[in-house]
Amino acid sequence: MKADKVRNLTDAELQHQGQDLADQLFKLKFQLNMGQNESLKKIRGLRKDIARVNTILSERTRAAATEKR
């Protein structure tokens, strides 16, 4: 998922997207530990997508906090 695509989402959509990505990551890690060899590229990609979503959410909250001042 590209950062431009993530930036076009609303805050609620971002939170929902972050939760979905976290659930997918949990399932992939569980499968990996159970011996079903899932691609490590998918796990790395999901971790990066989660980081993108969290970064953009934190940027927005910081921007909102500075506007209130």
C-alpha atoms as a PDB file:
ATOM      1  CA  MET A   1       0.000   0.000   0.000  1.00  0.00           C
ATOM      2  CA  LYS A   2       1.436   3.346  -1.029  1.00  0.00           C
ATOM      3  CA  ALA A   3       1.591   6.310   1.326  1.00  0.00           C
ATOM      4  CA  ASP A   4      -0.403   8.458  -1.112  1.00  0.00           C
ATOM      5  CA  LYS A   5      -3.276   5.991  -1.002  1.00  0.00           C
ATOM      6  CA  VAL A   6      -3.173   5.912   2.797  1.00  0.00           C
ATOM      7  CA  ARG A   7      -3.169   9.716   3.069  1.00  0.00           C
ATOM      8  CA  ASN A   8      -6.466   9.888   1.150  1.00  0.00           C
ATOM      9  CA  LEU A   9      -8.279   7.850   3.829  1.00  0.00           C
ATOM     10  CA  THR A  10     -10.195   9.385   6.718  1.00  0.00           C
ATOM     11  CA  ASP A  11      -9.121   8.877  10.330  1.00  0.00           C
ATOM     12  CA  ALA A  12     -11.798   6.242  10.949  1.00  0.00           C
ATOM     13  CA  GLU A  13     -10.819   4.382   7.779  1.00  0.00           C
ATOM     14  CA  LEU A  14      -7.165   4.535   8.815  1.00  0.00           C
ATOM     15  CA  GLN A  15      -7.919   3.057  12.221  1.00  0.00           C
ATOM     16  CA  HIS A  16     -10.004   0.317  10.632  1.00  0.00           C
ATOM     17  CA  GLN A  17      -7.281  -0.376   8.053  1.00  0.00           C
ATOM     18  CA  GLY A  18      -4.656  -0.547  10.810  1.00  0.00           C
ATOM     19  CA  GLN A  19      -6.741  -3.050  12.765  1.00  0.00           C
ATOM     20  CA  ASP A  20      -7.268  -5.202   9.661  1.00  0.00           C
ATOM     21  CA  LEU A  21      -3.549  -5.185   8.915  1.00  0.00           C
ATOM     22  CA  ALA A  22      -2.730  -6.127  12.510  1.00  0.00           C
ATOM     23  CA  ASP A  23      -5.175  -9.047  12.312  1.00  0.00           C
ATOM     24  CA  GLN A  24      -3.617 -10.247   9.063  1.00  0.00           C
ATOM     25  CA  LEU A  25      -0.144 -10.005  10.581  1.00  0.00           C
ATOM     26  CA  PHE A  26      -1.253 -12.029  13.608  1.00  0.00           C
ATOM     27  CA  LYS A  27      -2.678 -14.758  11.376  1.00  0.00           C
ATOM     28  CA  LEU A  28       0.483 -14.921   9.262  1.00  0.00           C
ATOM     29  CA  LYS A  29       2.706 -15.124  12.343  1.00  0.00           C
ATOM     30  CA  PHE A  30       0.500 -17.853  13.762  1.00  0.00           C
ATOM     31  CA  GLN A  31       0.714 -19.834  10.511  1.00  0.00           C
ATOM     32  CA  LEU A  32       4.477 -19.380  10.440  1.00  0.00           C
ATOM     33  CA  ASN A  33       4.806 -20.714  13.984  1.00  0.00           C
ATOM     34  CA  MET A  34       2.545 -23.667  13.182  1.00  0.00           C
ATOM     35  CA  GLY A  35       4.901 -24.710  10.410  1.00  0.00           C
ATOM     36  CA  GLN A  36       2.864 -23.573   7.444  1.00  0.00           C
ATOM     37  CA  ASN A  37       5.612 -21.716   5.668  1.00  0.00           C
ATOM     38  CA  GLU A  38       4.160 -18.388   4.609  1.00  0.00           C
ATOM     39  CA  SER A  39       6.235 -15.877   2.723  1.00  0.00           C
ATOM     40  CA  LEU A  40       8.350 -13.590   4.886  1.00  0.00           C
ATOM     41  CA  LYS A  41       7.874 -10.872   2.273  1.00  0.00           C
ATOM     42  CA  LYS A  42       4.183 -10.710   3.184  1.00  0.00           C
ATOM     43  CA  ILE A  43       5.014 -10.320   6.867  1.00  0.00           C
ATOM     44  CA  ARG A  44       7.543  -7.571   6.168  1.00  0.00           C
ATOM     45  CA  GLY A  45       5.097  -5.803   3.870  1.00  0.00           C
ATOM     46  CA  LEU A  46       2.331  -5.914   6.465  1.00  0.00           C
ATOM     47  CA  ARG A  47       4.645  -4.538   9.145  1.00  0.00           C
ATOM     48  CA  LYS A  48       5.603  -1.652   6.857  1.00  0.00           C
ATOM     49  CA  ASP A  49       1.952  -0.968   5.995  1.00  0.00           C
ATOM     50  CA  ILE A  50       1.053  -0.890   9.699  1.00  0.00           C
ATOM     51  CA  ALA A  51       3.913   1.533  10.304  1.00  0.00           C
ATOM     52  CA  ARG A  52       2.690   3.777   7.451  1.00  0.00           C
ATOM     53  CA  VAL A  53      -0.837   3.875   8.848  1.00  0.00           C
ATOM     54  CA  ASN A  54       0.391   4.607  12.380  1.00  0.00           C
ATOM     55  CA  THR A  55       2.756   7.311  11.130  1.00  0.00           C
ATOM     56  CA  ILE A  56       0.052   9.114   9.185  1.00  0.00           C
ATOM     57  CA  LEU A  57      -2.363   8.888  12.140  1.00  0.00           C
ATOM     58  CA  SER A  58       0.236  10.370  14.463  1.00  0.00           C
ATOM     59  CA  GLU A  59       1.041  13.135  11.953  1.00  0.00           C
ATOM     60  CA  ARG A  60      -2.621  14.058  11.831  1.00  0.00           C
ATOM     61  CA  THR A  61      -3.003  14.101  15.607  1.00  0.00           C
ATOM     62  CA  ARG A  62       0.119  16.270  15.966  1.00  0.00           C
ATOM     63  CA  ALA A  63      -1.163  18.643  13.287  1.00  0.00           C
ATOM     64  CA  ALA A  64      -4.535  18.893  15.030  1.00  0.00           C
ATOM     65  CA  ALA A  65      -2.825  19.580  18.353  1.00  0.00           C
ATOM     66  CA  THR A  66      -0.738  22.408  16.902  1.00  0.00           C
ATOM     67  CA  GLU A  67      -3.828  23.973  15.264  1.00  0.00           C
ATOM     68  CA  LYS A  68      -5.583  24.140  18.628  1.00  0.00           C
ATOM     69  CA  ARG A  69      -2.828  26.299  20.085  1.00  0.00           C
END
